[in-house]
Amino acid sequence: MPDYYQILDLPRGASKAQIKKAYRKKAMECHPDRNPSAEAHAVFLRVREAYEALMGPPADGKTGSNPAHSGAQTDHYAFYERVYSPEAEERRRAAKERVDRQTARQFEQYRRSNEAFRRSWPYRLLLALGHLSRVVILVMGVGCMVVAGITLNEGNVLATLVISLPLFLIGGGMVYVPWRAYWKNRQSKRSVNSK
């Protein structure tokens, strides 16, 4: 049988007030919410056990001194033991491992489907068309600038840009925008189908 007086650092025959004061002091030191050490929970339970043993049952047979709060303290201890018990810790650890495995599995599935899509011919075709459309836009822009420069035959760079820029944007947009819209639409359909 453990020496409850030693656990609370009390001399033998201490009064109930001294026991209560020592219990509160020890409980504050070793409470798991205040003390991050690994054995804080076990020490706290020993301190509580010593306190309950030294205080003994009340003379009136009730669990608390205040009839309105008679079950509150025992409910708190029951809750504490239920939440911080080793079984609860094991359940939390198992749940975390389960979530981690599921997340890793989902990421791996996403990565494989993404790699498969990048190896597919539609993706490569769209990629090639995207690069081709950029080249076409550049060639059309340069062509528009050359045509505008020849037409003006004045060498006025500002006038050339004012005339050729709208042609450049319109010509480039006619090539690039439909493929971009097709690509965005295809990606949104794939994301909806994968969910």
C-alpha atoms as a PDB file:
ATOM      1  CA  MET A   1       0.000   0.000   0.000  1.00  0.00           C
ATOM      2  CA  PRO A   2       1.473   3.368  -1.001  1.00  0.00           C
ATOM      3  CA  ASP A   3       2.273   6.003   1.589  1.00  0.00           C
ATOM      4  CA  TYR A   4      -0.292   8.674   0.766  1.00  0.00           C
ATOM      5  CA  TYR A   5       1.256  11.227   3.127  1.00  0.00           C
ATOM      6  CA  GLN A   6       4.580  10.888   1.340  1.00  0.00           C
ATOM      7  CA  ILE A   7       2.920  11.309  -2.072  1.00  0.00           C
ATOM      8  CA  LEU A   8       1.440  14.652  -0.924  1.00  0.00           C
ATOM      9  CA  ASP A   9       4.616  15.600   1.024  1.00  0.00           C
ATOM     10  CA  LEU A  10       2.704  15.789   4.314  1.00  0.00           C
ATOM     11  CA  PRO A  11       3.595  14.787   7.864  1.00  0.00           C
ATOM     12  CA  ARG A  12       1.551  11.957   9.341  1.00  0.00           C
ATOM     13  CA  GLY A  13      -1.637  13.112  11.039  1.00  0.00           C
ATOM     14  CA  ALA A  14      -2.020  16.271   8.906  1.00  0.00           C
ATOM     15  CA  SER A  15      -5.369  18.066   9.113  1.00  0.00           C
ATOM     16  CA  LYS A  16      -7.922  18.000   6.308  1.00  0.00           C
ATOM     17  CA  ALA A  17      -7.116  21.639   5.472  1.00  0.00           C
ATOM     18  CA  GLN A  18      -3.414  20.764   5.105  1.00  0.00           C
ATOM     19  CA  ILE A  19      -4.298  17.754   2.959  1.00  0.00           C
ATOM     20  CA  LYS A  20      -6.509  19.879   0.714  1.00  0.00           C
ATOM     21  CA  LYS A  21      -3.827  22.579   0.371  1.00  0.00           C
ATOM     22  CA  ALA A  22      -1.093  20.029  -0.394  1.00  0.00           C
ATOM     23  CA  TYR A  23      -3.358  18.271  -2.908  1.00  0.00           C
ATOM     24  CA  ARG A  24      -4.099  21.494  -4.782  1.00  0.00           C
ATOM     25  CA  LYS A  25      -0.418  22.394  -4.891  1.00  0.00           C
ATOM     26  CA  LYS A  26       0.635  18.942  -6.153  1.00  0.00           C
ATOM     27  CA  ALA A  27      -2.250  18.769  -8.605  1.00  0.00           C
ATOM     28  CA  MET A  28      -1.222  22.105 -10.129  1.00  0.00           C
ATOM     29  CA  GLU A  29       2.368  20.882 -10.503  1.00  0.00           C
ATOM     30  CA  CYS A  30       1.591  17.563 -12.163  1.00  0.00           C
ATOM     31  CA  HIS A  31      -1.660  18.235 -14.048  1.00  0.00           C
ATOM     32  CA  PRO A  32      -1.183  17.079 -17.679  1.00  0.00           C
ATOM     33  CA  ASP A  33      -2.588  20.364 -19.005  1.00  0.00           C
ATOM     34  CA  ARG A  34       0.150  22.282 -17.187  1.00  0.00           C
ATOM     35  CA  ASN A  35       2.978  19.731 -17.185  1.00  0.00           C
ATOM     36  CA  PRO A  36       4.055  18.356 -20.580  1.00  0.00           C
ATOM     37  CA  SER A  37       6.134  15.534 -19.110  1.00  0.00           C
ATOM     38  CA  ALA A  38       5.331  11.971 -20.142  1.00  0.00           C
ATOM     39  CA  GLU A  39       4.529  10.670 -16.663  1.00  0.00           C
ATOM     40  CA  ALA A  40       2.447  13.683 -15.560  1.00  0.00           C
ATOM     41  CA  HIS A  41      -0.799  11.764 -16.049  1.00  0.00           C
ATOM     42  CA  ALA A  42       0.296   8.856 -13.848  1.00  0.00           C
ATOM     43  CA  VAL A  43       1.612  11.186 -11.132  1.00  0.00           C
ATOM     44  CA  PHE A  44      -1.628  13.162 -11.213  1.00  0.00           C
ATOM     45  CA  LEU A  45      -3.678   9.986 -10.762  1.00  0.00           C
ATOM     46  CA  ARG A  46      -1.506   8.928  -7.770  1.00  0.00           C
ATOM     47  CA  VAL A  47      -1.932  12.375  -6.188  1.00  0.00           C
ATOM     48  CA  ARG A  48      -5.699  12.200  -6.659  1.00  0.00           C
ATOM     49  CA  GLU A  49      -5.812   8.696  -5.198  1.00  0.00           C
ATOM     50  CA  ALA A  50      -3.792   9.854  -2.166  1.00  0.00           C
ATOM     51  CA  TYR A  51      -6.097  12.835  -1.658  1.00  0.00           C
ATOM     52  CA  GLU A  52      -9.248  10.717  -1.825  1.00  0.00           C
ATOM     53  CA  ALA A  53      -7.776   8.118   0.545  1.00  0.00           C
ATOM     54  CA  LEU A  54      -6.621  10.689   3.116  1.00  0.00           C
ATOM     55  CA  MET A  55      -9.799  12.739   3.020  1.00  0.00           C
ATOM     56  CA  GLY A  56     -11.917   9.607   3.438  1.00  0.00           C
ATOM     57  CA  PRO A  57     -15.635   9.452   2.798  1.00  0.00           C
ATOM     58  CA  PRO A  58     -17.634  12.408   4.128  1.00  0.00           C
ATOM     59  CA  ALA A  59     -19.489  11.914   7.404  1.00  0.00           C
ATOM     60  CA  ASP A  60     -22.880  12.395   5.764  1.00  0.00           C
ATOM     61  CA  GLY A  61     -22.108   9.731   3.132  1.00  0.00           C
ATOM     62  CA  LYS A  62     -22.318  12.152   0.186  1.00  0.00           C
ATOM     63  CA  THR A  63     -19.640  12.293  -2.472  1.00  0.00           C
ATOM     64  CA  GLY A  64     -19.076  16.032  -2.110  1.00  0.00           C
ATOM     65  CA  SER A  65     -19.450  18.717   0.517  1.00  0.00           C
ATOM     66  CA  ASN A  66     -21.985  20.641  -1.543  1.00  0.00           C
ATOM     67  CA  PRO A  67     -25.148  18.655  -2.323  1.00  0.00           C
ATOM     68  CA  ALA A  68     -25.638  20.631  -5.535  1.00  0.00           C
ATOM     69  CA  HIS A  69     -22.205  19.506  -6.792  1.00  0.00           C
ATOM     70  CA  SER A  70     -22.181  16.013  -5.343  1.00  0.00           C
ATOM     71  CA  GLY A  71     -21.519  14.188  -8.614  1.00  0.00           C
ATOM     72  CA  ALA A  72     -19.658  16.930 -10.472  1.00  0.00           C
ATOM     73  CA  GLN A  73     -16.205  16.061  -9.189  1.00  0.00           C
ATOM     74  CA  THR A  74     -16.554  12.345  -9.793  1.00  0.00           C
ATOM     75  CA  ASP A  75     -17.997  13.079 -13.237  1.00  0.00           C
ATOM     76  CA  HIS A  76     -14.941  15.208 -13.975  1.00  0.00           C
ATOM     77  CA  TYR A  77     -12.594  12.415 -12.919  1.00  0.00           C
ATOM     78  CA  ALA A  78     -14.543   9.871 -14.936  1.00  0.00           C
ATOM     79  CA  PHE A  79     -14.352  12.145 -17.975  1.00  0.00           C
ATOM     80  CA  TYR A  80     -10.617  12.699 -17.418  1.00  0.00           C
ATOM     81  CA  GLU A  81      -9.934   8.967 -17.157  1.00  0.00           C
ATOM     82  CA  ARG A  82     -12.062   8.265 -20.230  1.00  0.00           C
ATOM     83  CA  VAL A  83     -10.344  10.928 -22.368  1.00  0.00           C
ATOM     84  CA  TYR A  84      -6.758  10.392 -21.196  1.00  0.00           C
ATOM     85  CA  SER A  85      -6.794   6.649 -20.680  1.00  0.00           C
ATOM     86  CA  PRO A  86      -4.225   4.530 -22.533  1.00  0.00           C
ATOM     87  CA  GLU A  87      -7.033   2.936 -24.541  1.00  0.00           C
ATOM     88  CA  ALA A  88      -8.234   6.365 -25.696  1.00  0.00           C
ATOM     89  CA  GLU A  89      -4.674   7.313 -26.622  1.00  0.00           C
ATOM     90  CA  GLU A  90      -4.382   4.080 -28.613  1.00  0.00           C
ATOM     91  CA  ARG A  91      -7.672   4.814 -30.412  1.00  0.00           C
ATOM     92  CA  ARG A  92      -6.495   8.350 -31.266  1.00  0.00           C
ATOM     93  CA  ARG A  93      -3.157   7.033 -32.540  1.00  0.00           C
ATOM     94  CA  ALA A  94      -4.889   4.369 -34.650  1.00  0.00           C
ATOM     95  CA  ALA A  95      -7.304   6.954 -36.085  1.00  0.00           C
ATOM     96  CA  LYS A  96      -4.415   9.272 -36.971  1.00  0.00           C
ATOM     97  CA  GLU A  97      -2.559   6.421 -38.681  1.00  0.00           C
ATOM     98  CA  ARG A  98      -5.726   5.499 -40.579  1.00  0.00           C
ATOM     99  CA  VAL A  99      -6.165   9.096 -41.799  1.00  0.00           C
ATOM    100  CA  ASP A 100      -2.485   9.311 -42.760  1.00  0.00           C
ATOM    101  CA  ARG A 101      -2.717   6.066 -44.764  1.00  0.00           C
ATOM    102  CA  GLN A 102      -5.901   7.240 -46.501  1.00  0.00           C
ATOM    103  CA  THR A 103      -4.330  10.603 -47.372  1.00  0.00           C
ATOM    104  CA  ALA A 104      -1.213   8.919 -48.749  1.00  0.00           C
ATOM    105  CA  ARG A 105      -3.366   6.502 -50.773  1.00  0.00           C
ATOM    106  CA  GLN A 106      -5.434   9.373 -52.243  1.00  0.00           C
ATOM    107  CA  PHE A 107      -2.319  11.355 -53.119  1.00  0.00           C
ATOM    108  CA  GLU A 108      -0.739   8.316 -54.780  1.00  0.00           C
ATOM    109  CA  GLN A 109      -3.938   7.732 -56.782  1.00  0.00           C
ATOM    110  CA  TYR A 110      -3.950  11.392 -57.878  1.00  0.00           C
ATOM    111  CA  ARG A 111      -0.254  11.230 -58.823  1.00  0.00           C
ATOM    112  CA  ARG A 112      -0.735   8.062 -60.914  1.00  0.00           C
ATOM    113  CA  SER A 113      -3.774   9.463 -62.750  1.00  0.00           C
ATOM    114  CA  ASN A 114      -1.922  12.726 -63.388  1.00  0.00           C
ATOM    115  CA  GLU A 115       1.101  10.853 -64.779  1.00  0.00           C
ATOM    116  CA  ALA A 116      -1.158   8.694 -66.950  1.00  0.00           C
ATOM    117  CA  PHE A 117      -2.883  11.769 -68.336  1.00  0.00           C
ATOM    118  CA  ARG A 118       0.448  13.459 -69.061  1.00  0.00           C
ATOM    119  CA  ARG A 119       1.522  10.358 -71.041  1.00  0.00           C
ATOM    120  CA  SER A 120      -1.748  10.267 -73.017  1.00  0.00           C
ATOM    121  CA  TRP A 121      -1.960  11.446 -76.606  1.00  0.00           C
ATOM    122  CA  PRO A 122      -4.667  14.118 -76.006  1.00  0.00           C
ATOM    123  CA  TYR A 123      -2.447  15.861 -73.459  1.00  0.00           C
ATOM    124  CA  ARG A 124       0.567  15.752 -75.757  1.00  0.00           C
ATOM    125  CA  LEU A 125      -1.537  16.977 -78.691  1.00  0.00           C
ATOM    126  CA  LEU A 126      -2.901  19.876 -76.652  1.00  0.00           C
ATOM    127  CA  LEU A 127       0.581  20.694 -75.412  1.00  0.00           C
ATOM    128  CA  ALA A 128       1.919  20.730 -78.976  1.00  0.00           C
ATOM    129  CA  LEU A 129      -1.023  22.846 -80.156  1.00  0.00           C
ATOM    130  CA  GLY A 130      -0.419  25.259 -77.297  1.00  0.00           C
ATOM    131  CA  HIS A 131       3.216  25.682 -78.316  1.00  0.00           C
ATOM    132  CA  LEU A 132       2.195  25.936 -81.968  1.00  0.00           C
ATOM    133  CA  SER A 133      -0.414  28.583 -81.144  1.00  0.00           C
ATOM    134  CA  ARG A 134       2.237  30.665 -79.382  1.00  0.00           C
ATOM    135  CA  VAL A 135       4.469  30.443 -82.453  1.00  0.00           C
ATOM    136  CA  VAL A 136       1.534  31.348 -84.720  1.00  0.00           C
ATOM    137  CA  ILE A 137       0.685  34.310 -82.495  1.00  0.00           C
ATOM    138  CA  LEU A 138       4.277  35.510 -82.640  1.00  0.00           C
ATOM    139  CA  VAL A 139       4.482  35.068 -86.427  1.00  0.00           C
ATOM    140  CA  MET A 140       1.125  36.802 -86.951  1.00  0.00           C
ATOM    141  CA  GLY A 141       2.165  39.667 -84.711  1.00  0.00           C
ATOM    142  CA  VAL A 142       5.454  40.146 -86.509  1.00  0.00           C
ATOM    143  CA  GLY A 143       3.645  39.815 -89.845  1.00  0.00           C
ATOM    144  CA  CYS A 144       1.077  42.406 -88.822  1.00  0.00           C
ATOM    145  CA  MET A 145       3.839  44.778 -87.769  1.00  0.00           C
ATOM    146  CA  VAL A 146       5.670  44.268 -91.055  1.00  0.00           C
ATOM    147  CA  VAL A 147       2.480  44.758 -93.084  1.00  0.00           C
ATOM    148  CA  ALA A 148       1.580  47.852 -91.087  1.00  0.00           C
ATOM    149  CA  GLY A 149       5.121  49.207 -91.480  1.00  0.00           C
ATOM    150  CA  ILE A 150       5.128  48.605 -95.232  1.00  0.00           C
ATOM    151  CA  THR A 151       1.660  50.094 -95.582  1.00  0.00           C
ATOM    152  CA  LEU A 152       2.573  53.241 -93.714  1.00  0.00           C
ATOM    153  CA  ASN A 153       6.044  53.381 -95.286  1.00  0.00           C
ATOM    154  CA  GLU A 154       6.809  56.230 -92.944  1.00  0.00           C
ATOM    155  CA  GLY A 155       8.924  54.375 -90.406  1.00  0.00           C
ATOM    156  CA  ASN A 156       6.708  55.675 -87.592  1.00  0.00           C
ATOM    157  CA  VAL A 157       7.005  52.973 -84.934  1.00  0.00           C
ATOM    158  CA  LEU A 158       4.131  54.286 -82.800  1.00  0.00           C
ATOM    159  CA  ALA A 159       1.697  54.235 -85.719  1.00  0.00           C
ATOM    160  CA  THR A 160       2.863  50.745 -86.624  1.00  0.00           C
ATOM    161  CA  LEU A 161       2.205  49.512 -83.086  1.00  0.00           C
ATOM    162  CA  VAL A 162      -1.212  51.203 -82.923  1.00  0.00           C
ATOM    163  CA  ILE A 163      -2.303  49.523 -86.144  1.00  0.00           C
ATOM    164  CA  SER A 164      -0.666  46.136 -85.617  1.00  0.00           C
ATOM    165  CA  LEU A 165      -1.423  45.548 -81.917  1.00  0.00           C
ATOM    166  CA  PRO A 166      -5.194  45.005 -82.372  1.00  0.00           C
ATOM    167  CA  LEU A 167      -4.508  42.726 -85.347  1.00  0.00           C
ATOM    168  CA  PHE A 168      -1.940  40.842 -83.269  1.00  0.00           C
ATOM    169  CA  LEU A 169      -4.353  40.384 -80.360  1.00  0.00           C
ATOM    170  CA  ILE A 170      -7.301  39.388 -82.561  1.00  0.00           C
ATOM    171  CA  GLY A 171      -5.247  36.994 -84.686  1.00  0.00           C
ATOM    172  CA  GLY A 172      -3.577  35.412 -81.697  1.00  0.00           C
ATOM    173  CA  GLY A 173      -6.857  35.151 -79.831  1.00  0.00           C
ATOM    174  CA  MET A 174      -8.499  33.314 -82.733  1.00  0.00           C
ATOM    175  CA  VAL A 175      -5.861  30.610 -82.499  1.00  0.00           C
ATOM    176  CA  TYR A 176      -5.131  30.489 -78.774  1.00  0.00           C
ATOM    177  CA  VAL A 177      -8.495  31.089 -77.056  1.00  0.00           C
ATOM    178  CA  PRO A 178     -10.427  28.071 -78.446  1.00  0.00           C
ATOM    179  CA  TRP A 179      -7.672  25.647 -77.442  1.00  0.00           C
ATOM    180  CA  ARG A 180      -7.397  27.232 -74.018  1.00  0.00           C
ATOM    181  CA  ALA A 181     -11.176  26.939 -73.532  1.00  0.00           C
ATOM    182  CA  TYR A 182     -11.095  23.301 -74.661  1.00  0.00           C
ATOM    183  CA  TRP A 183      -8.232  22.554 -72.257  1.00  0.00           C
ATOM    184  CA  LYS A 184      -9.965  24.224 -69.277  1.00  0.00           C
ATOM    185  CA  ASN A 185     -13.243  22.418 -70.061  1.00  0.00           C
ATOM    186  CA  ARG A 186     -11.468  19.065 -70.302  1.00  0.00           C
ATOM    187  CA  GLN A 187      -9.658  19.595 -67.002  1.00  0.00           C
ATOM    188  CA  SER A 188     -12.859  20.580 -65.186  1.00  0.00           C
ATOM    189  CA  LYS A 189     -14.638  17.466 -66.530  1.00  0.00           C
ATOM    190  CA  ARG A 190     -11.764  15.254 -65.343  1.00  0.00           C
ATOM    191  CA  SER A 191     -11.846  16.761 -61.855  1.00  0.00           C
ATOM    192  CA  VAL A 192     -15.637  16.241 -61.622  1.00  0.00           C
ATOM    193  CA  ASN A 193     -15.361  12.630 -62.845  1.00  0.00           C
ATOM    194  CA  SER A 194     -12.568  11.801 -60.406  1.00  0.00           C
ATOM    195  CA  LYS A 195     -14.671  12.911 -57.409  1.00  0.00           C
END
